[in-house]
Amino acid sequence: MENLKEKTGRGLFWGGMNNLVQQLIGLAFGIILGRLLSQSDYGMMAMISIFSLMAGTLQNSGFSVALTNLERPEHRDYNSVFWFNILMGALLYVVLFFCAPLIGRFYSSPALVPLCRYAFLSFFIASFSTAQNAWLFKHLRAKQQAKAGMTATLVSSITGATMAFCHMAYWSLATQGIVFVAVNTLLAWHYSEWRPSFKDISFEPVRRMFRFSCKILLTSITTIINNNVLNILLGRLFGERQTGVYNQAYQWNNKCFMLVQNMVNQVAQPVLVDLRGDGARQLNALRKMMRFTAFVSFPLLLGFATVAKEFIVLAITAKWLESAQLLQILCLAGAVMPLSTLLSNLIISKGRSDIYLWTTLSLGAAQIACMLLIYPYGLRTMVVAYTLLNILWLFVWYVFARRLTGYGLWTFLCDTLPFAFVSAVIAAVTILLTISLSSLWLLLIVKFVLFVVLYYAILKALRVKILRESEIFIMKKLRR
């Protein structure tokens, strides 16, 4: 029988594989869609994405996290959440269907009304898989979740690209989202061993979990607002085109940091919950995950920032050059977001959803206030402020993690800052060494190779333990 270390390693491997394949598919089809669609097409979807995300979160109501946080959830717990989510999904879709004209009026865009009513179907479909995904997550079935995610990404991307090629504009992006959710839902049912029952349907377990889950719900809604605050404000203040310019940069940054974040999230909360009764082992597991996350996140995001201009122009043409400049800034925030998420997972595993809620609410309030104050200075200034706030908030999450675990500041800095420092130095050296090159293709290739080689060589020379452990784990997987 596998021990917790083996399960964690396997979960990280399949979580990484899942996200790597999804992001590679997203990279390929993101290039295709970026070439076929306009800034306004992306802007249309960006303006309404917040409503779909919030409705999906309301439908879930935080019970997926609540189920994972139970040490031994029973059939009736999953069954209660399953039927509750379907009822909530149907109710919310009806409410948003009739609210679509208000959304169109808010953005002064009547074309958003039918788009909303179509795109919002995705969260109703997703309501049928919340319990199944929670069961897979709780039982660390990372391999099955990976297969479902990779298949759904591939099928939905092909669908979206085909529709974009047929000149269906923003409808292709909306359909891509719906197809992804539908395929992922079907495969979650296929891989999950749990099945709902019509007998003994009771909402008592939902009521019992509500005190914990409502805080997760409010926090999740706030997180969505935090992550999409610029999409909301830009759509209202600057219109579709500027929203599309920012959203393109946001999406590429999101693909990068979610590659790391989702890989770690695949195992973080279940593992930390399992170790809740042993503070020393839990802190040790947290530190290992923090080192691994920093080891991957900083070089990936700072490396991407180094080649952002060349990548954007070559991949989706010079019409998105403005997005490339914003992407370079956003990558700095993206580098620390997986670390912030890991610390927040620790806080949840301790049962302190109240801290999770109020810390996230405070970040949201700070971001909205800051954006409203500085928007007259333009989009770039807003992106810089958004980035600085998210970097600062890593240390806010740390303060609460320290109170709950005794995670010392010096220890925290030693676990994370060396990877940030090495990555920043390599980024600067790479830019200086390639400053005389003029060919975009040559710049992209040389910068990429130089960054990877220097990062690996420096960490190898310093005998960094996490690098050696990663090499051993990968070699074991390759031998099987």
Protein backbone atom coordinates (compact mmCIF):
# COMPACT_ATOMS: atom_id res chain seq x y z
CA MET A 1 0.00 0.00 0.00
CA GLU A 2 1.32 3.46 -0.91
CA ASN A 3 2.42 5.75 1.90
CA LEU A 4 1.58 9.45 1.95
CA LYS A 5 4.94 10.45 0.43
CA GLU A 6 4.42 8.14 -2.55
CA LYS A 7 0.84 9.36 -3.03
CA THR A 8 2.04 12.97 -2.91
CA GLY A 9 4.81 12.30 -5.44
CA ARG A 10 2.40 10.49 -7.74
CA GLY A 11 -0.13 13.28 -7.38
CA LEU A 12 2.46 15.94 -8.21
CA PHE A 13 3.61 13.93 -11.23
CA TRP A 14 0.12 13.48 -12.67
CA GLY A 15 -0.91 16.98 -11.66
CA GLY A 16 2.14 18.29 -13.50
CA MET A 17 1.48 16.05 -16.50
CA ASN A 18 -2.16 17.16 -16.63
CA ASN A 19 -1.31 20.84 -16.49
CA LEU A 20 1.64 20.55 -18.86
CA VAL A 21 -0.46 18.84 -21.54
CA GLN A 22 -3.39 21.23 -20.99
CA GLN A 23 -1.13 24.25 -21.24
CA LEU A 24 0.64 22.91 -24.35
CA ILE A 25 -2.75 22.35 -25.99
CA GLY A 26 -3.80 25.78 -24.78
CA LEU A 27 -0.59 27.23 -26.19
CA ALA A 28 -1.18 25.74 -29.64
CA PHE A 29 -4.83 26.67 -29.88
CA GLY A 30 -4.30 30.00 -28.12
CA ILE A 31 -1.97 30.92 -30.98
CA ILE A 32 -4.57 29.83 -33.55
CA LEU A 33 -7.39 31.75 -31.84
CA GLY A 34 -5.18 34.80 -31.27
CA ARG A 35 -4.51 34.98 -35.00
CA LEU A 36 -8.15 34.40 -36.02
CA LEU A 37 -9.96 36.58 -33.47
CA SER A 38 -9.80 40.29 -32.69
CA GLN A 39 -9.18 42.23 -29.48
CA SER A 40 -12.93 42.97 -29.30
CA ASP A 41 -13.81 39.26 -29.52
CA TYR A 42 -11.63 38.52 -26.50
CA GLY A 43 -12.98 41.61 -24.77
CA MET A 44 -16.59 40.41 -25.16
CA MET A 45 -15.85 37.12 -23.39
CA ALA A 46 -13.62 38.77 -20.79
CA MET A 47 -16.42 41.12 -19.73
CA ILE A 48 -18.85 38.29 -18.96
CA SER A 49 -16.42 35.65 -17.69
CA ILE A 50 -16.75 37.04 -14.17
CA PHE A 51 -20.46 36.19 -14.10
CA SER A 52 -19.95 32.59 -15.23
CA LEU A 53 -17.18 32.09 -12.71
CA MET A 54 -19.20 33.57 -9.86
CA ALA A 55 -22.31 31.58 -10.75
CA GLY A 56 -20.25 28.39 -10.90
CA THR A 57 -18.84 29.16 -7.48
CA LEU A 58 -22.29 29.89 -6.04
CA GLN A 59 -23.58 26.63 -7.48
CA ASN A 60 -20.66 24.75 -5.87
CA SER A 61 -21.19 26.73 -2.64
CA GLY A 62 -17.81 25.69 -1.23
CA PHE A 63 -18.98 22.15 -0.56
CA SER A 64 -16.28 20.58 -2.74
CA VAL A 65 -13.62 21.98 -0.40
CA ALA A 66 -15.77 21.11 2.62
CA LEU A 67 -15.98 17.46 1.50
CA THR A 68 -12.21 17.33 1.05
CA ASN A 69 -11.71 18.82 4.51
CA LEU A 70 -13.74 16.01 6.13
CA GLU A 71 -11.46 13.23 7.32
CA ARG A 72 -13.89 10.46 6.29
CA PRO A 73 -16.80 11.77 4.19
CA GLU A 74 -19.63 9.26 3.76
CA HIS A 75 -21.95 8.46 0.84
CA ARG A 76 -24.72 10.62 2.27
CA ASP A 77 -22.33 13.62 2.39
CA TYR A 78 -21.50 13.31 -1.32
CA ASN A 79 -25.15 12.59 -2.17
CA SER A 80 -26.37 15.66 -0.34
CA VAL A 81 -23.86 17.91 -2.11
CA PHE A 82 -24.68 16.35 -5.50
CA TRP A 83 -28.42 17.09 -5.39
CA PHE A 84 -27.95 20.50 -3.77
CA ASN A 85 -25.54 21.59 -6.53
CA ILE A 86 -27.94 20.57 -9.30
CA LEU A 87 -30.77 22.56 -7.70
CA MET A 88 -28.50 25.57 -7.24
CA GLY A 89 -27.16 25.29 -10.79
CA ALA A 90 -30.65 25.29 -12.30
CA LEU A 91 -31.83 28.16 -10.11
CA LEU A 92 -28.80 30.34 -10.85
CA TYR A 93 -29.00 29.76 -14.58
CA VAL A 94 -32.64 30.92 -14.59
CA VAL A 95 -31.73 34.03 -12.55
CA LEU A 96 -28.83 34.94 -14.84
CA PHE A 97 -30.87 34.23 -17.96
CA PHE A 98 -33.24 37.02 -16.96
CA CYS A 99 -30.38 39.25 -15.72
CA ALA A 100 -28.59 39.15 -19.10
CA PRO A 101 -30.18 42.44 -20.29
CA LEU A 102 -28.83 44.18 -17.17
CA ILE A 103 -25.32 42.94 -17.95
CA GLY A 104 -25.64 44.21 -21.52
CA ARG A 105 -26.82 47.58 -20.23
CA PHE A 106 -23.94 47.79 -17.69
CA TYR A 107 -21.38 47.45 -20.49
CA SER A 108 -23.51 49.34 -23.07
CA SER A 109 -23.37 46.31 -25.38
CA PRO A 110 -26.68 44.68 -26.43
CA ALA A 111 -24.76 41.85 -28.16
CA LEU A 112 -23.79 40.56 -24.71
CA VAL A 113 -27.39 39.50 -23.91
CA PRO A 114 -27.59 36.37 -26.15
CA LEU A 115 -23.91 35.63 -25.49
CA CYS A 116 -24.52 35.56 -21.73
CA ARG A 117 -27.52 33.26 -22.02
CA TYR A 118 -25.48 30.84 -24.10
CA ALA A 119 -22.17 30.95 -22.19
CA PHE A 120 -23.83 30.54 -18.78
CA LEU A 121 -24.96 27.03 -19.70
CA SER A 122 -21.48 25.85 -18.72
CA PHE A 123 -21.90 26.22 -14.97
CA PHE A 124 -25.26 24.39 -15.00
CA ILE A 125 -23.59 21.46 -16.79
CA ALA A 126 -20.73 21.57 -14.27
CA SER A 127 -23.17 21.14 -11.37
CA PHE A 128 -23.51 17.46 -12.33
CA SER A 129 -19.84 16.72 -11.57
CA THR A 130 -19.05 18.59 -8.35
CA ALA A 131 -19.44 15.54 -6.10
CA GLN A 132 -17.58 13.27 -8.54
CA ASN A 133 -14.64 15.67 -8.79
CA ALA A 134 -14.58 16.07 -5.00
CA TRP A 135 -14.44 12.27 -4.63
CA LEU A 136 -11.53 12.00 -7.10
CA PHE A 137 -9.72 14.88 -5.40
CA LYS A 138 -10.22 13.50 -1.89
CA HIS A 139 -8.90 10.08 -2.92
CA LEU A 140 -5.89 11.60 -4.73
CA ARG A 141 -6.96 10.15 -8.08
CA ALA A 142 -4.71 12.60 -9.88
CA LYS A 143 -4.14 10.29 -12.86
CA GLN A 144 -7.86 10.06 -13.62
CA GLN A 145 -8.35 13.80 -13.18
CA ALA A 146 -5.40 14.36 -15.50
CA LYS A 147 -6.90 12.18 -18.23
CA ALA A 148 -10.25 13.95 -17.93
CA GLY A 149 -8.68 17.41 -18.04
CA MET A 150 -6.39 16.66 -20.97
CA THR A 151 -9.17 15.11 -23.05
CA ALA A 152 -11.60 17.95 -22.31
CA THR A 153 -8.98 20.56 -23.21
CA LEU A 154 -8.15 18.90 -26.52
CA VAL A 155 -11.77 18.38 -27.62
CA SER A 156 -12.89 21.89 -26.59
CA SER A 157 -9.86 23.55 -28.20
CA ILE A 158 -10.48 21.81 -31.52
CA THR A 159 -14.13 22.88 -31.36
CA GLY A 160 -13.27 26.51 -30.60
CA ALA A 161 -10.60 26.74 -33.31
CA THR A 162 -12.91 25.19 -35.92
CA MET A 163 -15.66 27.70 -35.12
CA ALA A 164 -13.17 30.61 -35.17
CA PHE A 165 -11.95 29.46 -38.58
CA CYS A 166 -15.60 29.55 -39.72
CA HIS A 167 -15.75 33.26 -38.70
CA MET A 168 -17.99 32.69 -35.67
CA ALA A 169 -16.03 35.30 -33.63
CA TYR A 170 -16.66 35.34 -29.86
CA TRP A 171 -19.21 32.51 -30.14
CA SER A 172 -16.24 30.17 -30.69
CA LEU A 173 -14.78 31.14 -27.29
CA ALA A 174 -18.13 30.63 -25.57
CA THR A 175 -18.63 27.22 -27.17
CA GLN A 176 -15.11 26.18 -26.26
CA GLY A 177 -15.93 26.78 -22.59
CA ILE A 178 -19.18 24.82 -22.74
CA VAL A 179 -17.59 21.83 -24.52
CA PHE A 180 -14.73 21.73 -21.99
CA VAL A 181 -17.14 21.54 -19.05
CA ALA A 182 -19.38 18.96 -20.75
CA VAL A 183 -16.51 16.58 -21.63
CA ASN A 184 -14.87 17.00 -18.22
CA THR A 185 -18.21 16.25 -16.51
CA LEU A 186 -18.74 13.07 -18.52
CA LEU A 187 -15.23 11.82 -17.77
CA ALA A 188 -15.52 12.64 -14.06
CA TRP A 189 -18.53 10.30 -14.00
CA HIS A 190 -16.57 7.69 -15.90
CA TYR A 191 -13.56 7.71 -13.55
CA SER A 192 -15.34 8.23 -10.21
CA GLU A 193 -16.51 5.12 -8.34
CA TRP A 194 -19.10 7.12 -6.43
CA ARG A 195 -22.68 7.31 -7.73
CA PRO A 196 -25.64 9.38 -6.45
CA SER A 197 -28.79 7.72 -5.20
CA PHE A 198 -32.44 8.75 -5.13
CA LYS A 199 -32.95 7.04 -1.78
CA ASP A 200 -32.42 8.92 1.43
CA ILE A 201 -31.89 12.31 -0.23
CA SER A 202 -31.19 14.66 2.64
CA PHE A 203 -29.76 18.16 2.81
CA GLU A 204 -28.79 17.73 6.46
CA PRO A 205 -25.08 17.08 5.59
CA VAL A 206 -25.12 20.25 3.47
CA ARG A 207 -26.56 22.17 6.40
CA ARG A 208 -23.87 20.71 8.69
CA MET A 209 -21.06 21.69 6.32
CA PHE A 210 -22.53 25.13 5.60
CA ARG A 211 -20.75 26.98 8.41
CA PHE A 212 -17.39 26.02 6.93
CA SER A 213 -18.41 26.05 3.27
CA CYS A 214 -20.09 29.49 3.33
CA LYS A 215 -16.75 31.07 4.20
CA ILE A 216 -15.08 29.14 1.39
CA LEU A 217 -17.90 30.29 -0.91
CA LEU A 218 -17.48 33.97 -0.03
CA THR A 219 -13.72 33.64 -0.33
CA SER A 220 -13.97 31.96 -3.74
CA ILE A 221 -16.27 34.70 -5.03
CA THR A 222 -13.86 37.33 -3.74
CA THR A 223 -10.90 35.51 -5.33
CA ILE A 224 -12.70 35.50 -8.68
CA ILE A 225 -13.35 39.24 -8.35
CA ASN A 226 -9.71 39.80 -7.34
CA ASN A 227 -8.40 37.87 -10.34
CA ASN A 228 -10.81 39.54 -12.78
CA VAL A 229 -10.99 43.03 -11.30
CA LEU A 230 -9.28 44.57 -14.31
CA ASN A 231 -11.54 42.75 -16.77
CA ILE A 232 -14.57 44.18 -14.94
CA LEU A 233 -13.28 47.74 -14.65
CA LEU A 234 -11.70 47.92 -18.10
CA GLY A 235 -14.90 46.74 -19.75
CA ARG A 236 -16.79 49.51 -18.02
CA LEU A 237 -14.16 52.27 -18.25
CA PHE A 238 -12.25 51.62 -21.49
CA GLY A 239 -14.42 49.40 -23.71
CA GLU A 240 -14.05 46.07 -25.50
CA ARG A 241 -10.72 46.62 -27.27
CA GLN A 242 -8.65 47.60 -24.23
CA THR A 243 -10.28 44.81 -22.25
CA GLY A 244 -9.26 42.39 -24.98
CA VAL A 245 -5.67 43.69 -24.98
CA TYR A 246 -5.39 43.14 -21.23
CA ASN A 247 -7.24 39.81 -21.32
CA GLN A 248 -4.80 38.37 -23.87
CA ALA A 249 -1.89 39.20 -21.55
CA TYR A 250 -3.82 37.88 -18.54
CA GLN A 251 -4.59 34.59 -20.28
CA TRP A 252 -0.97 33.85 -21.20
CA ASN A 253 0.21 34.74 -17.70
CA ASN A 254 -2.60 32.60 -16.29
CA LYS A 255 -1.54 29.60 -18.42
CA CYS A 256 1.95 29.83 -16.96
CA PHE A 257 1.26 30.20 -13.27
CA MET A 258 -1.69 27.79 -13.34
CA LEU A 259 0.68 25.15 -14.71
CA VAL A 260 2.46 25.28 -11.34
CA GLN A 261 -0.52 26.14 -9.15
CA ASN A 262 -2.78 23.33 -10.35
CA MET A 263 0.03 20.79 -10.11
CA VAL A 264 0.55 21.62 -6.43
CA ASN A 265 -3.17 22.04 -5.71
CA GLN A 266 -3.70 18.48 -6.92
CA VAL A 267 -2.21 17.23 -3.65
CA ALA A 268 -1.74 20.18 -1.26
CA GLN A 269 -5.02 20.27 0.64
CA PRO A 270 -5.61 16.49 0.92
CA VAL A 271 -2.04 15.96 2.16
CA LEU A 272 -2.13 18.88 4.61
CA VAL A 273 -5.49 17.69 5.96
CA ASP A 274 -4.11 14.16 6.46
CA LEU A 275 -1.20 15.60 8.48
CA ARG A 276 -3.36 18.00 10.50
CA GLY A 277 -2.86 15.98 13.69
CA ASP A 278 0.94 16.15 13.48
CA GLY A 279 2.10 19.77 13.37
CA ALA A 280 5.79 19.00 12.78
CA ARG A 281 5.12 16.68 9.84
CA GLN A 282 2.58 19.10 8.37
CA LEU A 283 5.06 22.00 8.51
CA ASN A 284 7.75 19.80 6.95
CA ALA A 285 5.37 18.84 4.11
CA LEU A 286 4.42 22.50 3.61
CA ARG A 287 8.08 23.55 3.40
CA LYS A 288 8.82 20.87 0.81
CA MET A 289 5.90 22.00 -1.31
CA MET A 290 6.94 25.65 -0.94
CA ARG A 291 10.47 24.86 -2.11
CA PHE A 292 9.22 22.83 -5.04
CA THR A 293 6.72 25.53 -6.02
CA ALA A 294 9.36 28.29 -5.88
CA PHE A 295 11.84 26.04 -7.73
CA VAL A 296 9.38 25.78 -10.67
CA SER A 297 7.36 29.01 -10.49
CA PHE A 298 10.08 31.67 -10.48
CA PRO A 299 12.11 30.43 -13.46
CA LEU A 300 8.96 29.61 -15.45
CA LEU A 301 7.32 33.03 -15.00
CA LEU A 302 10.44 35.20 -15.07
CA GLY A 303 11.72 33.20 -18.04
CA PHE A 304 8.44 33.76 -19.84
CA ALA A 305 8.63 37.48 -19.10
CA THR A 306 12.07 37.50 -20.72
CA VAL A 307 10.73 36.16 -24.04
CA ALA A 308 7.21 37.67 -23.83
CA LYS A 309 7.64 40.22 -26.62
CA GLU A 310 9.18 37.78 -29.09
CA PHE A 311 6.67 35.06 -28.24
CA ILE A 312 3.58 37.26 -28.62
CA VAL A 313 4.65 38.86 -31.91
CA LEU A 314 5.73 35.58 -33.49
CA ALA A 315 2.81 33.53 -32.18
CA ILE A 316 -0.21 35.83 -32.56
CA THR A 317 1.22 38.69 -34.65
CA ALA A 318 2.19 42.28 -33.88
CA LYS A 319 -1.44 43.34 -33.43
CA TRP A 320 -1.05 42.05 -29.82
CA LEU A 321 2.25 43.87 -29.10
CA GLU A 322 0.55 46.01 -26.46
CA SER A 323 -0.46 42.81 -24.66
CA ALA A 324 3.18 41.64 -24.61
CA GLN A 325 4.22 44.69 -22.61
CA LEU A 326 1.49 44.04 -20.03
CA LEU A 327 2.37 40.35 -19.93
CA GLN A 328 5.92 41.11 -18.82
CA ILE A 329 4.54 42.95 -15.78
CA LEU A 330 1.87 40.36 -14.96
CA CYS A 331 4.46 37.56 -14.92
CA LEU A 332 5.94 39.08 -11.75
CA ALA A 333 2.60 38.62 -9.98
CA GLY A 334 2.15 35.20 -11.55
CA ALA A 335 5.44 34.01 -10.06
CA VAL A 336 4.19 34.43 -6.46
CA MET A 337 0.54 33.41 -6.91
CA PRO A 338 1.17 29.64 -6.58
CA LEU A 339 3.02 30.33 -3.31
CA SER A 340 0.12 32.42 -1.98
CA THR A 341 -2.32 29.67 -2.94
CA LEU A 342 -0.23 27.04 -1.14
CA LEU A 343 -0.21 29.11 2.06
CA SER A 344 -3.97 29.62 1.78
CA ASN A 345 -4.39 25.83 1.40
CA LEU A 346 -2.55 25.40 4.69
CA ILE A 347 -4.91 27.85 6.37
CA ILE A 348 -7.94 25.93 5.05
CA SER A 349 -6.45 22.61 6.20
CA LYS A 350 -6.29 24.05 9.72
CA GLY A 351 -10.05 24.68 9.54
CA ARG A 352 -9.53 28.47 9.58
CA SER A 353 -11.81 29.39 6.70
CA ASP A 354 -12.48 32.67 8.53
CA ILE A 355 -8.85 33.78 8.05
CA TYR A 356 -8.99 32.63 4.44
CA LEU A 357 -12.15 34.68 3.90
CA TRP A 358 -11.07 37.94 5.50
CA THR A 359 -7.58 37.91 3.98
CA THR A 360 -9.05 37.45 0.51
CA LEU A 361 -11.74 40.09 1.10
CA SER A 362 -9.06 42.56 2.21
CA LEU A 363 -7.05 41.94 -0.97
CA GLY A 364 -10.17 42.48 -3.08
CA ALA A 365 -11.06 45.73 -1.33
CA ALA A 366 -7.48 47.01 -1.66
CA GLN A 367 -7.38 46.16 -5.38
CA ILE A 368 -10.71 47.76 -6.25
CA ALA A 369 -9.94 50.92 -4.27
CA CYS A 370 -6.50 51.19 -5.86
CA MET A 371 -7.78 50.62 -9.40
CA LEU A 372 -10.55 53.21 -9.06
CA LEU A 373 -8.06 55.78 -7.76
CA ILE A 374 -5.43 55.33 -10.47
CA TYR A 375 -7.45 54.44 -13.60
CA PRO A 376 -7.05 57.99 -15.04
CA TYR A 377 -3.32 57.18 -15.37
CA GLY A 378 -4.02 54.42 -17.87
CA LEU A 379 -4.03 50.66 -18.29
CA ARG A 380 -0.30 50.09 -17.74
CA THR A 381 -0.33 51.86 -14.38
CA MET A 382 -3.31 49.75 -13.28
CA VAL A 383 -1.47 46.55 -14.22
CA VAL A 384 1.64 47.65 -12.29
CA ALA A 385 -0.46 48.38 -9.18
CA TYR A 386 -2.29 45.05 -9.51
CA THR A 387 1.07 43.23 -9.69
CA LEU A 388 2.59 45.01 -6.68
CA LEU A 389 -0.46 44.31 -4.53
CA ASN A 390 -0.38 40.60 -5.32
CA ILE A 391 3.34 40.38 -4.50
CA LEU A 392 2.74 42.19 -1.21
CA TRP A 393 -0.13 39.85 -0.33
CA LEU A 394 2.17 36.82 -0.35
CA PHE A 395 3.59 38.14 2.92
CA VAL A 396 0.11 38.72 4.34
CA TRP A 397 -0.68 35.03 3.74
CA TYR A 398 2.67 34.15 5.31
CA VAL A 399 1.88 36.05 8.53
CA PHE A 400 -1.21 33.90 9.14
CA ALA A 401 0.58 30.70 8.15
CA ARG A 402 3.27 31.52 10.71
CA ARG A 403 0.68 31.98 13.47
CA LEU A 404 -0.83 28.57 12.71
CA THR A 405 2.40 26.57 12.20
CA GLY A 406 5.37 28.51 13.59
CA TYR A 407 6.84 28.82 10.08
CA GLY A 408 9.76 31.20 10.78
CA LEU A 409 10.41 34.21 8.53
CA TRP A 410 14.05 33.30 7.88
CA THR A 411 13.03 29.73 7.05
CA PHE A 412 10.30 30.99 4.70
CA LEU A 413 12.75 33.32 2.92
CA CYS A 414 15.35 30.55 2.61
CA ASP A 415 12.72 28.26 1.08
CA THR A 416 11.64 30.75 -1.58
CA LEU A 417 13.94 33.74 -2.18
CA PRO A 418 17.01 31.87 -3.54
CA PHE A 419 14.95 30.64 -6.52
CA ALA A 420 13.55 34.15 -7.09
CA PHE A 421 17.01 35.73 -6.88
CA VAL A 422 18.67 33.21 -9.21
CA SER A 423 15.83 33.52 -11.75
CA ALA A 424 15.95 37.34 -11.69
CA VAL A 425 19.74 37.39 -12.16
CA ILE A 426 19.54 34.90 -15.03
CA ALA A 427 16.76 36.95 -16.68
CA ALA A 428 18.92 40.09 -16.51
CA VAL A 429 22.01 38.26 -17.82
CA THR A 430 20.00 36.70 -20.65
CA ILE A 431 18.65 40.08 -21.77
CA LEU A 432 22.13 41.66 -21.67
CA LEU A 433 23.77 38.82 -23.62
CA THR A 434 21.14 38.94 -26.38
CA ILE A 435 20.73 42.70 -26.68
CA SER A 436 22.59 42.84 -30.01
CA LEU A 437 20.38 40.24 -31.72
CA SER A 438 17.70 41.57 -34.07
CA SER A 439 15.94 38.46 -35.43
CA LEU A 440 12.86 37.68 -33.34
CA TRP A 441 13.14 33.94 -33.96
CA LEU A 442 16.81 33.94 -32.98
CA LEU A 443 16.07 36.04 -29.89
CA LEU A 444 13.31 33.67 -28.75
CA ILE A 445 15.41 30.53 -29.18
CA VAL A 446 18.65 31.92 -27.73
CA LYS A 447 16.90 33.50 -24.72
CA PHE A 448 15.00 30.30 -23.96
CA VAL A 449 18.03 28.00 -24.23
CA LEU A 450 20.29 30.39 -22.33
CA PHE A 451 17.82 30.79 -19.46
CA VAL A 452 17.21 27.03 -19.07
CA VAL A 453 20.90 26.10 -19.27
CA LEU A 454 22.00 28.81 -16.81
CA TYR A 455 19.25 27.98 -14.29
CA TYR A 456 20.03 24.26 -14.34
CA ALA A 457 23.80 24.82 -14.22
CA ILE A 458 23.65 27.23 -11.27
CA LEU A 459 21.33 25.02 -9.23
CA LYS A 460 23.45 21.98 -10.06
CA ALA A 461 26.62 23.80 -9.01
CA LEU A 462 24.98 24.87 -5.75
CA ARG A 463 23.82 21.27 -5.16
CA VAL A 464 20.23 22.33 -4.55
CA LYS A 465 18.42 19.44 -2.87
CA ILE A 466 15.03 19.93 -4.56
CA LEU A 467 16.69 19.68 -7.99
CA ARG A 468 18.32 16.38 -7.07
CA GLU A 469 15.08 14.99 -5.63
CA SER A 470 13.19 15.98 -8.79
CA GLU A 471 15.82 14.31 -11.00
CA ILE A 472 15.62 11.07 -8.99
CA PHE A 473 11.82 11.03 -9.12
CA ILE A 474 11.72 11.63 -12.89
CA MET A 475 14.36 8.95 -13.51
CA LYS A 476 12.30 6.43 -11.51
CA LYS A 477 9.23 7.25 -13.59
CA LEU A 478 11.15 6.90 -16.85
CA ARG A 479 12.50 3.47 -15.87
CA ARG A 480 8.98 2.08 -15.27
